[in-house]
Amino acid sequence: MKKAIITVVGKDSVGIIAKVCTYLAETGVNILDISQTITGGYFNMMMICDLTGNKKDFLAMQDDLTRLGEEIGTVIRVQDEAIFESMHRI
């Protein structure tokens, strides 16, 4: 299973979760775990996702989510889980 870590950070507004999750569902990405908080009016979400069914390549998905983040006033980052696994091996 290929996994990615997706983070979403920005000023809180209506529909952030819905828009990000709708994109992921339409692309065939399964959310395995999700955590979100709002602190001082700022929205923060982290998701661990399964990319096995992803209909797009990784870079195209990163670009799409970067653009989506700009549209909804957030910063969305997509990172391959392997980055985090490698950091812990050093």
N, C-alpha and C. Protein backbone atom coordinates (compact mmCIF):
# COMPACT_ATOMS: atom_id res chain seq x y z
N MET A 1 0.86 -1.18 0.00
CA MET A 1 0.00 0.00 0.00
C MET A 1 0.90 1.24 0.00
N LYS A 2 0.65 2.14 -0.91
CA LYS A 2 1.39 3.40 -0.97
C LYS A 2 0.58 4.46 -0.22
N LYS A 3 1.26 5.10 0.76
CA LYS A 3 0.56 6.08 1.59
C LYS A 3 1.17 7.47 1.41
N ALA A 4 0.34 8.47 1.69
CA ALA A 4 0.78 9.86 1.68
C ALA A 4 0.23 10.56 2.92
N ILE A 5 0.96 11.58 3.34
CA ILE A 5 0.52 12.44 4.43
C ILE A 5 0.09 13.76 3.79
N ILE A 6 -1.14 14.16 4.04
CA ILE A 6 -1.67 15.41 3.48
C ILE A 6 -1.98 16.34 4.64
N THR A 7 -1.44 17.57 4.58
CA THR A 7 -1.73 18.56 5.60
C THR A 7 -2.42 19.76 4.97
N VAL A 8 -3.35 20.34 5.71
CA VAL A 8 -4.11 21.51 5.26
C VAL A 8 -4.09 22.52 6.40
N VAL A 9 -3.58 23.72 6.12
CA VAL A 9 -3.47 24.75 7.16
C VAL A 9 -3.93 26.08 6.57
N GLY A 10 -4.73 26.82 7.34
CA GLY A 10 -5.16 28.14 6.90
C GLY A 10 -6.22 28.72 7.81
N LYS A 11 -6.66 29.91 7.49
CA LYS A 11 -7.73 30.55 8.24
C LYS A 11 -8.99 29.70 8.08
N ASP A 12 -9.69 29.48 9.17
CA ASP A 12 -10.88 28.63 9.13
C ASP A 12 -11.99 29.25 8.29
N SER A 13 -12.65 28.42 7.51
CA SER A 13 -13.82 28.85 6.74
C SER A 13 -14.70 27.62 6.47
N VAL A 14 -15.91 27.87 6.07
CA VAL A 14 -16.86 26.80 5.80
C VAL A 14 -16.43 26.02 4.55
N GLY A 15 -16.45 24.69 4.64
CA GLY A 15 -16.28 23.84 3.47
C GLY A 15 -14.88 23.32 3.19
N ILE A 16 -13.91 23.64 4.03
CA ILE A 16 -12.54 23.18 3.76
C ILE A 16 -12.49 21.66 3.69
N ILE A 17 -12.99 21.01 4.72
CA ILE A 17 -12.96 19.54 4.76
C ILE A 17 -13.72 18.96 3.58
N ALA A 18 -14.89 19.50 3.31
CA ALA A 18 -15.72 18.98 2.21
C ALA A 18 -15.00 19.07 0.87
N LYS A 19 -14.37 20.20 0.59
CA LYS A 19 -13.71 20.38 -0.70
C LYS A 19 -12.50 19.47 -0.86
N VAL A 20 -11.70 19.37 0.19
CA VAL A 20 -10.51 18.51 0.11
C VAL A 20 -10.93 17.04 -0.01
N CYS A 21 -11.87 16.62 0.83
CA CYS A 21 -12.31 15.22 0.80
C CYS A 21 -13.04 14.86 -0.49
N THR A 22 -13.78 15.80 -1.05
CA THR A 22 -14.45 15.55 -2.33
C THR A 22 -13.41 15.31 -3.43
N TYR A 23 -12.37 16.15 -3.46
CA TYR A 23 -11.30 15.95 -4.45
C TYR A 23 -10.68 14.57 -4.29
N LEU A 24 -10.35 14.20 -3.06
CA LEU A 24 -9.70 12.92 -2.82
C LEU A 24 -10.60 11.76 -3.24
N ALA A 25 -11.88 11.83 -2.92
CA ALA A 25 -12.82 10.76 -3.29
C ALA A 25 -12.93 10.64 -4.81
N GLU A 26 -13.03 11.77 -5.49
CA GLU A 26 -13.14 11.75 -6.95
C GLU A 26 -11.88 11.22 -7.62
N THR A 27 -10.75 11.34 -6.93
CA THR A 27 -9.47 10.90 -7.48
C THR A 27 -9.16 9.45 -7.10
N GLY A 28 -9.96 8.87 -6.23
CA GLY A 28 -9.76 7.48 -5.83
C GLY A 28 -8.80 7.30 -4.66
N VAL A 29 -8.57 8.38 -3.91
CA VAL A 29 -7.69 8.32 -2.74
C VAL A 29 -8.54 8.03 -1.50
N ASN A 30 -8.12 7.03 -0.73
CA ASN A 30 -8.85 6.63 0.46
C ASN A 30 -8.20 7.26 1.70
N ILE A 31 -9.00 7.90 2.53
CA ILE A 31 -8.50 8.49 3.78
C ILE A 31 -8.51 7.40 4.85
N LEU A 32 -7.32 7.09 5.37
CA LEU A 32 -7.19 6.06 6.39
C LEU A 32 -7.34 6.63 7.80
N ASP A 33 -6.84 7.85 7.99
CA ASP A 33 -6.89 8.48 9.31
C ASP A 33 -6.94 9.99 9.08
N ILE A 34 -7.68 10.68 9.93
CA ILE A 34 -7.83 12.12 9.78
C ILE A 34 -7.90 12.77 11.16
N SER A 35 -7.24 13.91 11.27
CA SER A 35 -7.26 14.68 12.50
C SER A 35 -7.37 16.14 12.11
N GLN A 36 -8.25 16.87 12.78
CA GLN A 36 -8.37 18.29 12.47
C GLN A 36 -8.66 19.07 13.73
N THR A 37 -8.10 20.26 13.79
CA THR A 37 -8.33 21.16 14.91
C THR A 37 -8.47 22.58 14.39
N ILE A 38 -9.11 23.39 15.20
CA ILE A 38 -9.20 24.82 14.92
C ILE A 38 -8.65 25.52 16.17
N THR A 39 -7.59 26.26 15.98
CA THR A 39 -6.94 26.95 17.09
C THR A 39 -6.80 28.42 16.74
N GLY A 40 -7.41 29.28 17.55
CA GLY A 40 -7.29 30.71 17.33
C GLY A 40 -7.79 31.14 15.97
N GLY A 41 -8.79 30.43 15.45
CA GLY A 41 -9.35 30.77 14.14
C GLY A 41 -8.60 30.17 12.96
N TYR A 42 -7.58 29.36 13.23
CA TYR A 42 -6.82 28.72 12.16
C TYR A 42 -7.13 27.23 12.10
N PHE A 43 -7.39 26.77 10.91
CA PHE A 43 -7.75 25.38 10.64
C PHE A 43 -6.47 24.59 10.38
N ASN A 44 -6.39 23.39 10.96
CA ASN A 44 -5.24 22.53 10.78
C ASN A 44 -5.75 21.09 10.64
N MET A 45 -5.42 20.44 9.52
CA MET A 45 -5.87 19.06 9.30
C MET A 45 -4.71 18.23 8.79
N MET A 46 -4.62 17.00 9.29
CA MET A 46 -3.64 16.05 8.80
C MET A 46 -4.36 14.75 8.45
N MET A 47 -4.03 14.21 7.29
CA MET A 47 -4.65 12.96 6.86
C MET A 47 -3.57 11.97 6.44
N ILE A 48 -3.79 10.72 6.76
CA ILE A 48 -2.97 9.65 6.21
C ILE A 48 -3.85 8.98 5.17
N CYS A 49 -3.35 8.91 3.95
CA CYS A 49 -4.17 8.43 2.83
C CYS A 49 -3.52 7.26 2.11
N ASP A 50 -4.37 6.38 1.60
CA ASP A 50 -3.94 5.25 0.78
C ASP A 50 -4.07 5.68 -0.68
N LEU A 51 -2.96 5.66 -1.40
CA LEU A 51 -2.95 6.10 -2.80
C LEU A 51 -3.12 4.95 -3.79
N THR A 52 -3.40 3.76 -3.31
CA THR A 52 -3.48 2.58 -4.18
C THR A 52 -4.44 2.80 -5.35
N GLY A 53 -5.60 3.41 -5.10
CA GLY A 53 -6.59 3.61 -6.15
C GLY A 53 -6.51 4.97 -6.83
N ASN A 54 -5.44 5.73 -6.57
CA ASN A 54 -5.30 7.07 -7.12
C ASN A 54 -5.32 7.05 -8.65
N LYS A 55 -6.20 7.84 -9.23
CA LYS A 55 -6.35 7.89 -10.69
C LYS A 55 -5.34 8.83 -11.34
N LYS A 56 -4.60 9.58 -10.55
CA LYS A 56 -3.61 10.52 -11.07
C LYS A 56 -2.24 10.15 -10.55
N ASP A 57 -1.20 10.61 -11.25
CA ASP A 57 0.12 10.38 -10.69
C ASP A 57 0.35 11.34 -9.52
N PHE A 58 1.34 11.02 -8.71
CA PHE A 58 1.57 11.74 -7.46
C PHE A 58 1.78 13.23 -7.68
N LEU A 59 2.61 13.60 -8.66
CA LEU A 59 2.89 15.02 -8.91
C LEU A 59 1.67 15.78 -9.38
N ALA A 60 0.84 15.15 -10.20
CA ALA A 60 -0.40 15.80 -10.66
C ALA A 60 -1.34 16.04 -9.48
N MET A 61 -1.42 15.07 -8.58
CA MET A 61 -2.26 15.23 -7.40
C MET A 61 -1.72 16.35 -6.51
N GLN A 62 -0.40 16.41 -6.33
CA GLN A 62 0.20 17.50 -5.54
C GLN A 62 -0.16 18.85 -6.15
N ASP A 63 -0.01 18.98 -7.47
CA ASP A 63 -0.33 20.25 -8.14
C ASP A 63 -1.80 20.61 -7.97
N ASP A 64 -2.69 19.62 -8.15
CA ASP A 64 -4.13 19.87 -7.99
C ASP A 64 -4.45 20.36 -6.59
N LEU A 65 -3.88 19.71 -5.59
CA LEU A 65 -4.18 20.09 -4.21
C LEU A 65 -3.55 21.43 -3.83
N THR A 66 -2.40 21.75 -4.42
CA THR A 66 -1.81 23.08 -4.20
C THR A 66 -2.76 24.15 -4.73
N ARG A 67 -3.27 23.93 -5.94
CA ARG A 67 -4.22 24.88 -6.54
C ARG A 67 -5.51 24.97 -5.72
N LEU A 68 -6.03 23.81 -5.29
CA LEU A 68 -7.24 23.80 -4.48
C LEU A 68 -7.01 24.60 -3.20
N GLY A 69 -5.86 24.41 -2.58
CA GLY A 69 -5.54 25.16 -1.37
C GLY A 69 -5.56 26.66 -1.61
N GLU A 70 -4.99 27.10 -2.73
CA GLU A 70 -4.99 28.52 -3.07
C GLU A 70 -6.42 29.03 -3.25
N GLU A 71 -7.26 28.22 -3.88
CA GLU A 71 -8.66 28.61 -4.12
C GLU A 71 -9.44 28.77 -2.81
N ILE A 72 -9.14 27.94 -1.82
CA ILE A 72 -9.92 27.97 -0.57
C ILE A 72 -9.19 28.68 0.56
N GLY A 73 -8.05 29.29 0.26
CA GLY A 73 -7.33 30.08 1.26
C GLY A 73 -6.54 29.27 2.27
N THR A 74 -6.04 28.11 1.84
CA THR A 74 -5.23 27.28 2.72
C THR A 74 -3.94 26.89 2.00
N VAL A 75 -3.04 26.29 2.75
CA VAL A 75 -1.84 25.68 2.17
C VAL A 75 -2.01 24.18 2.33
N ILE A 76 -1.99 23.47 1.21
CA ILE A 76 -2.12 22.01 1.23
C ILE A 76 -0.80 21.40 0.77
N ARG A 77 -0.27 20.52 1.59
CA ARG A 77 0.97 19.82 1.27
C ARG A 77 0.69 18.32 1.20
N VAL A 78 1.29 17.68 0.21
CA VAL A 78 1.18 16.23 0.05
C VAL A 78 2.60 15.66 0.07
N GLN A 79 2.84 14.74 0.99
CA GLN A 79 4.17 14.14 1.11
C GLN A 79 4.06 12.63 1.14
N ASP A 80 4.96 11.97 0.44
CA ASP A 80 5.01 10.52 0.44
C ASP A 80 5.39 10.04 1.85
N GLU A 81 4.71 9.03 2.32
CA GLU A 81 4.99 8.49 3.65
C GLU A 81 6.44 8.03 3.78
N ALA A 82 7.06 7.64 2.68
CA ALA A 82 8.44 7.15 2.71
C ALA A 82 9.40 8.20 3.27
N ILE A 83 9.09 9.49 3.09
CA ILE A 83 9.92 10.56 3.64
C ILE A 83 9.99 10.43 5.17
N PHE A 84 8.85 10.22 5.78
CA PHE A 84 8.80 10.11 7.23
C PHE A 84 9.46 8.83 7.72
N GLU A 85 9.29 7.76 6.98
CA GLU A 85 9.92 6.49 7.35
C GLU A 85 11.44 6.62 7.27
N SER A 86 11.94 7.29 6.25
CA SER A 86 13.39 7.47 6.08
C SER A 86 13.97 8.33 7.19
N MET A 87 13.26 9.36 7.60
CA MET A 87 13.76 10.24 8.65
C MET A 87 13.99 9.48 9.96
N HIS A 88 13.17 8.49 10.23
CA HIS A 88 13.29 7.74 11.47
C HIS A 88 14.37 6.66 11.43
N ARG A 89 14.87 6.36 10.25
CA ARG A 89 15.92 5.36 10.12
C ARG A 89 17.31 5.95 10.31
N ILE A 90 17.41 7.27 10.18
CA ILE A 90 18.72 7.94 10.27
C ILE A 90 19.20 7.97 11.70
